[in-house]
């Protein structure tokens, strides 16, 4: 947690923004989620814990956390539904989305990371993050998770 807080503090400073108590609290509550969440869920969690953080601050903080790669933003279908997923300083998991139920299943794939790295290298880039998600329906014959 301290590492994520320090990374966020440095990011904000480098972008001329202040690391406020409200932003610290938002990140702390985000870190407590063990699954992807919606911005409104975050706002409700903050209020349930008696934190007085405005809706605007929550959305701005989420934007900054996505920019500094501590949080992934996940879009479903047409891109209208947005979820957030805390990744902290550990990168490298992607998502399988059940379009029937909305269930989000995180997974890791060394092959995807290797492909990302190869493509970036070929294009003269150094990858810092990626987003990959599969939208689908259960086939009735699920593979065992590794």
C-alpha atoms as a PDB file:
ATOM      1  CA  UNK A   1       0.000   0.000   0.000  1.00  0.00           C
ATOM      2  CA  UNK A   2       2.771   2.456   0.881  1.00  0.00           C
ATOM      3  CA  UNK A   3       4.414   1.823  -2.479  1.00  0.00           C
ATOM      4  CA  UNK A   4       1.197   2.678  -4.351  1.00  0.00           C
ATOM      5  CA  UNK A   5       0.688   5.799  -2.214  1.00  0.00           C
ATOM      6  CA  UNK A   6       4.263   6.947  -2.909  1.00  0.00           C
ATOM      7  CA  UNK A   7       3.919   6.287  -6.640  1.00  0.00           C
ATOM      8  CA  UNK A   8       0.652   8.269  -6.704  1.00  0.00           C
ATOM      9  CA  UNK A   9       2.171  11.109  -4.690  1.00  0.00           C
ATOM     10  CA  UNK A  10       5.120  11.319  -7.117  1.00  0.00           C
ATOM     11  CA  UNK A  11       2.827  11.187 -10.154  1.00  0.00           C
ATOM     12  CA  UNK A  12       0.673  14.033  -8.847  1.00  0.00           C
ATOM     13  CA  UNK A  13       3.711  16.146  -7.962  1.00  0.00           C
ATOM     14  CA  UNK A  14       5.213  15.570 -11.430  1.00  0.00           C
ATOM     15  CA  UNK A  15       1.924  16.740 -12.975  1.00  0.00           C
ATOM     16  CA  UNK A  16       1.577  19.855 -10.824  1.00  0.00           C
ATOM     17  CA  UNK A  17      -1.178  18.371  -8.661  1.00  0.00           C
ATOM     18  CA  UNK A  18      -1.450  18.143  -4.887  1.00  0.00           C
ATOM     19  CA  UNK A  19      -1.567  14.927  -2.915  1.00  0.00           C
ATOM     20  CA  UNK A  20      -4.522  15.686  -0.667  1.00  0.00           C
ATOM     21  CA  UNK A  21      -6.037  13.803   2.235  1.00  0.00           C
ATOM     22  CA  UNK A  22      -9.125  13.124   0.085  1.00  0.00           C
ATOM     23  CA  UNK A  23      -7.008  11.543  -2.670  1.00  0.00           C
ATOM     24  CA  UNK A  24      -5.156   9.432  -0.088  1.00  0.00           C
ATOM     25  CA  UNK A  25      -8.470   8.183   1.299  1.00  0.00           C
ATOM     26  CA  UNK A  26      -9.838   7.394  -2.177  1.00  0.00           C
ATOM     27  CA  UNK A  27      -6.752   5.295  -2.994  1.00  0.00           C
ATOM     28  CA  UNK A  28      -6.929   3.559   0.375  1.00  0.00           C
ATOM     29  CA  UNK A  29     -10.577   2.549  -0.186  1.00  0.00           C
ATOM     30  CA  UNK A  30      -9.819   1.444  -3.765  1.00  0.00           C
ATOM     31  CA  UNK A  31      -7.058  -0.818  -2.444  1.00  0.00           C
ATOM     32  CA  UNK A  32      -9.627  -2.558  -0.231  1.00  0.00           C
ATOM     33  CA  UNK A  33     -11.698  -3.729  -3.223  1.00  0.00           C
ATOM     34  CA  UNK A  34     -10.874  -7.320  -4.179  1.00  0.00           C
ATOM     35  CA  UNK A  35     -12.636  -7.073  -7.535  1.00  0.00           C
ATOM     36  CA  UNK A  36     -13.341  -4.548 -10.281  1.00  0.00           C
ATOM     37  CA  UNK A  37     -15.747  -1.806  -9.177  1.00  0.00           C
ATOM     38  CA  UNK A  38     -17.785   1.065 -10.576  1.00  0.00           C
ATOM     39  CA  UNK A  39     -17.126   4.684  -9.624  1.00  0.00           C
ATOM     40  CA  UNK A  40     -20.521   4.864  -7.911  1.00  0.00           C
ATOM     41  CA  UNK A  41     -19.629   1.800  -5.807  1.00  0.00           C
ATOM     42  CA  UNK A  42     -16.488   3.590  -4.695  1.00  0.00           C
ATOM     43  CA  UNK A  43     -18.482   6.679  -3.789  1.00  0.00           C
ATOM     44  CA  UNK A  44     -20.920   4.576  -1.738  1.00  0.00           C
ATOM     45  CA  UNK A  45     -18.048   2.784   0.034  1.00  0.00           C
ATOM     46  CA  UNK A  46     -16.501   6.143   0.938  1.00  0.00           C
ATOM     47  CA  UNK A  47     -19.815   7.393   2.335  1.00  0.00           C
ATOM     48  CA  UNK A  48     -20.442   4.167   4.262  1.00  0.00           C
ATOM     49  CA  UNK A  49     -17.052   4.682   5.923  1.00  0.00           C
ATOM     50  CA  UNK A  50     -18.036   8.259   6.786  1.00  0.00           C
ATOM     51  CA  UNK A  51     -15.499   9.852   4.441  1.00  0.00           C
ATOM     52  CA  UNK A  52     -16.574  13.207   3.031  1.00  0.00           C
ATOM     53  CA  UNK A  53     -15.185  13.139  -0.502  1.00  0.00           C
ATOM     54  CA  UNK A  54     -17.046  14.823  -3.344  1.00  0.00           C
ATOM     55  CA  UNK A  55     -18.166  12.938  -6.439  1.00  0.00           C
ATOM     56  CA  UNK A  56     -15.976  15.237  -8.563  1.00  0.00           C
ATOM     57  CA  UNK A  57     -12.913  14.378  -6.449  1.00  0.00           C
ATOM     58  CA  UNK A  58     -13.635  10.656  -6.798  1.00  0.00           C
ATOM     59  CA  UNK A  59     -13.850  10.890 -10.597  1.00  0.00           C
ATOM     60  CA  UNK A  60     -10.766  13.121 -10.908  1.00  0.00           C
ATOM     61  CA  UNK A  61      -8.790  10.832  -8.614  1.00  0.00           C
ATOM     62  CA  UNK A  62      -9.817   7.774 -10.631  1.00  0.00           C
ATOM     63  CA  UNK A  63      -8.660   9.551 -13.800  1.00  0.00           C
ATOM     64  CA  UNK A  64      -5.259  10.282 -12.231  1.00  0.00           C
ATOM     65  CA  UNK A  65      -4.918   6.714 -10.899  1.00  0.00           C
ATOM     66  CA  UNK A  66      -5.592   5.323 -14.384  1.00  0.00           C
ATOM     67  CA  UNK A  67      -3.038   7.737 -15.872  1.00  0.00           C
ATOM     68  CA  UNK A  68      -0.366   6.677 -13.391  1.00  0.00           C
ATOM     69  CA  UNK A  69      -1.177   2.981 -14.052  1.00  0.00           C
ATOM     70  CA  UNK A  70      -2.212   2.071 -10.505  1.00  0.00           C
ATOM     71  CA  UNK A  71      -5.781   1.391 -11.686  1.00  0.00           C
ATOM     72  CA  UNK A  72      -6.996  -0.195 -14.916  1.00  0.00           C
ATOM     73  CA  UNK A  73     -10.179   1.103 -16.519  1.00  0.00           C
ATOM     74  CA  UNK A  74     -12.265  -1.682 -18.021  1.00  0.00           C
ATOM     75  CA  UNK A  75     -14.925  -1.019 -20.676  1.00  0.00           C
ATOM     76  CA  UNK A  76     -17.706  -3.426 -21.582  1.00  0.00           C
ATOM     77  CA  UNK A  77     -19.505  -3.862 -24.866  1.00  0.00           C
ATOM     78  CA  UNK A  78     -20.059  -0.456 -26.425  1.00  0.00           C
ATOM     79  CA  UNK A  79     -17.730   1.196 -23.945  1.00  0.00           C
ATOM     80  CA  UNK A  80     -20.540   2.866 -22.027  1.00  0.00           C
ATOM     81  CA  UNK A  81     -20.105   0.771 -18.882  1.00  0.00           C
ATOM     82  CA  UNK A  82     -16.829   1.468 -17.127  1.00  0.00           C
ATOM     83  CA  UNK A  83     -15.269  -0.443 -14.234  1.00  0.00           C
ATOM     84  CA  UNK A  84     -12.002   0.101 -12.406  1.00  0.00           C
ATOM     85  CA  UNK A  85      -9.552  -2.458 -11.105  1.00  0.00           C
ATOM     86  CA  UNK A  86      -6.730  -1.723  -8.673  1.00  0.00           C
ATOM     87  CA  UNK A  87      -3.484  -3.253  -9.920  1.00  0.00           C
ATOM     88  CA  UNK A  88      -1.077  -1.304  -7.766  1.00  0.00           C
ATOM     89  CA  UNK A  89       2.540  -1.727  -8.709  1.00  0.00           C
ATOM     90  CA  UNK A  90       1.913  -5.243 -10.069  1.00  0.00           C
ATOM     91  CA  UNK A  91       1.092  -5.182 -13.752  1.00  0.00           C
ATOM     92  CA  UNK A  92       0.019  -7.951 -16.000  1.00  0.00           C
ATOM     93  CA  UNK A  93      -3.458  -9.252 -15.536  1.00  0.00           C
ATOM     94  CA  UNK A  94      -6.255  -9.043 -18.040  1.00  0.00           C
ATOM     95  CA  UNK A  95      -9.982  -9.757 -17.968  1.00  0.00           C
ATOM     96  CA  UNK A  96     -12.530 -12.168 -19.364  1.00  0.00           C
ATOM     97  CA  UNK A  97     -16.024 -10.644 -19.246  1.00  0.00           C
ATOM     98  CA  UNK A  98     -19.187 -12.757 -19.259  1.00  0.00           C
ATOM     99  CA  UNK A  99     -21.537 -10.660 -21.419  1.00  0.00           C
ATOM    100  CA  UNK A 100     -24.591 -12.484 -20.034  1.00  0.00           C
ATOM    101  CA  UNK A 101     -23.954 -11.897 -16.328  1.00  0.00           C
ATOM    102  CA  UNK A 102     -21.354  -9.120 -16.315  1.00  0.00           C
ATOM    103  CA  UNK A 103     -19.017 -11.278 -14.223  1.00  0.00           C
ATOM    104  CA  UNK A 104     -15.379 -10.206 -14.597  1.00  0.00           C
ATOM    105  CA  UNK A 105     -12.723 -12.911 -14.425  1.00  0.00           C
ATOM    106  CA  UNK A 106      -9.094 -11.754 -14.125  1.00  0.00           C
ATOM    107  CA  UNK A 107      -6.382 -13.861 -15.750  1.00  0.00           C
ATOM    108  CA  UNK A 108      -2.679 -13.643 -16.536  1.00  0.00           C
ATOM    109  CA  UNK A 109      -1.015 -14.786 -19.726  1.00  0.00           C
ATOM    110  CA  UNK A 110       2.736 -14.775 -20.281  1.00  0.00           C
ATOM    111  CA  UNK A 111       2.011 -15.199 -24.016  1.00  0.00           C
ATOM    112  CA  UNK A 112       0.044 -11.937 -24.130  1.00  0.00           C
ATOM    113  CA  UNK A 113       2.799 -10.093 -22.261  1.00  0.00           C
ATOM    114  CA  UNK A 114       5.432 -11.538 -24.627  1.00  0.00           C
ATOM    115  CA  UNK A 115       3.384 -10.521 -27.674  1.00  0.00           C
ATOM    116  CA  UNK A 116       2.920  -7.012 -26.238  1.00  0.00           C
ATOM    117  CA  UNK A 117       6.664  -6.695 -25.659  1.00  0.00           C
ATOM    118  CA  UNK A 118       7.545  -7.997 -29.133  1.00  0.00           C
ATOM    119  CA  UNK A 119       5.110  -5.667 -30.918  1.00  0.00           C
ATOM    120  CA  UNK A 120       6.269  -2.682 -28.880  1.00  0.00           C
ATOM    121  CA  UNK A 121       9.933  -3.481 -29.598  1.00  0.00           C
ATOM    122  CA  UNK A 122       9.238  -3.842 -33.334  1.00  0.00           C
ATOM    123  CA  UNK A 123       7.493  -0.454 -33.341  1.00  0.00           C
ATOM    124  CA  UNK A 124      10.278   1.228 -31.354  1.00  0.00           C
ATOM    125  CA  UNK A 125       8.349   1.490 -28.079  1.00  0.00           C
ATOM    126  CA  UNK A 126       8.906   0.413 -24.519  1.00  0.00           C
ATOM    127  CA  UNK A 127       5.642  -0.939 -23.098  1.00  0.00           C
ATOM    128  CA  UNK A 128       4.561   0.444 -19.739  1.00  0.00           C
ATOM    129  CA  UNK A 129       1.127  -1.201 -19.570  1.00  0.00           C
ATOM    130  CA  UNK A 130      -1.566  -2.781 -21.669  1.00  0.00           C
ATOM    131  CA  UNK A 131      -5.285  -3.535 -21.550  1.00  0.00           C
ATOM    132  CA  UNK A 132      -6.684  -6.754 -22.881  1.00  0.00           C
ATOM    133  CA  UNK A 133     -10.135  -8.139 -22.323  1.00  0.00           C
ATOM    134  CA  UNK A 134     -12.211 -10.854 -23.896  1.00  0.00           C
ATOM    135  CA  UNK A 135     -15.984 -10.459 -24.056  1.00  0.00           C
ATOM    136  CA  UNK A 136     -17.772 -13.791 -24.304  1.00  0.00           C
ATOM    137  CA  UNK A 137     -20.366 -16.272 -23.135  1.00  0.00           C
ATOM    138  CA  UNK A 138     -19.764 -19.490 -21.223  1.00  0.00           C
ATOM    139  CA  UNK A 139     -19.619 -22.519 -23.519  1.00  0.00           C
ATOM    140  CA  UNK A 140     -20.768 -24.982 -20.880  1.00  0.00           C
ATOM    141  CA  UNK A 141     -17.345 -26.628 -20.980  1.00  0.00           C
ATOM    142  CA  UNK A 142     -15.069 -24.425 -18.856  1.00  0.00           C
ATOM    143  CA  UNK A 143     -11.350 -25.128 -18.739  1.00  0.00           C
ATOM    144  CA  UNK A 144      -9.732 -25.640 -15.386  1.00  0.00           C
ATOM    145  CA  UNK A 145      -7.950 -22.498 -14.212  1.00  0.00           C
ATOM    146  CA  UNK A 146      -4.161 -22.738 -14.024  1.00  0.00           C
END
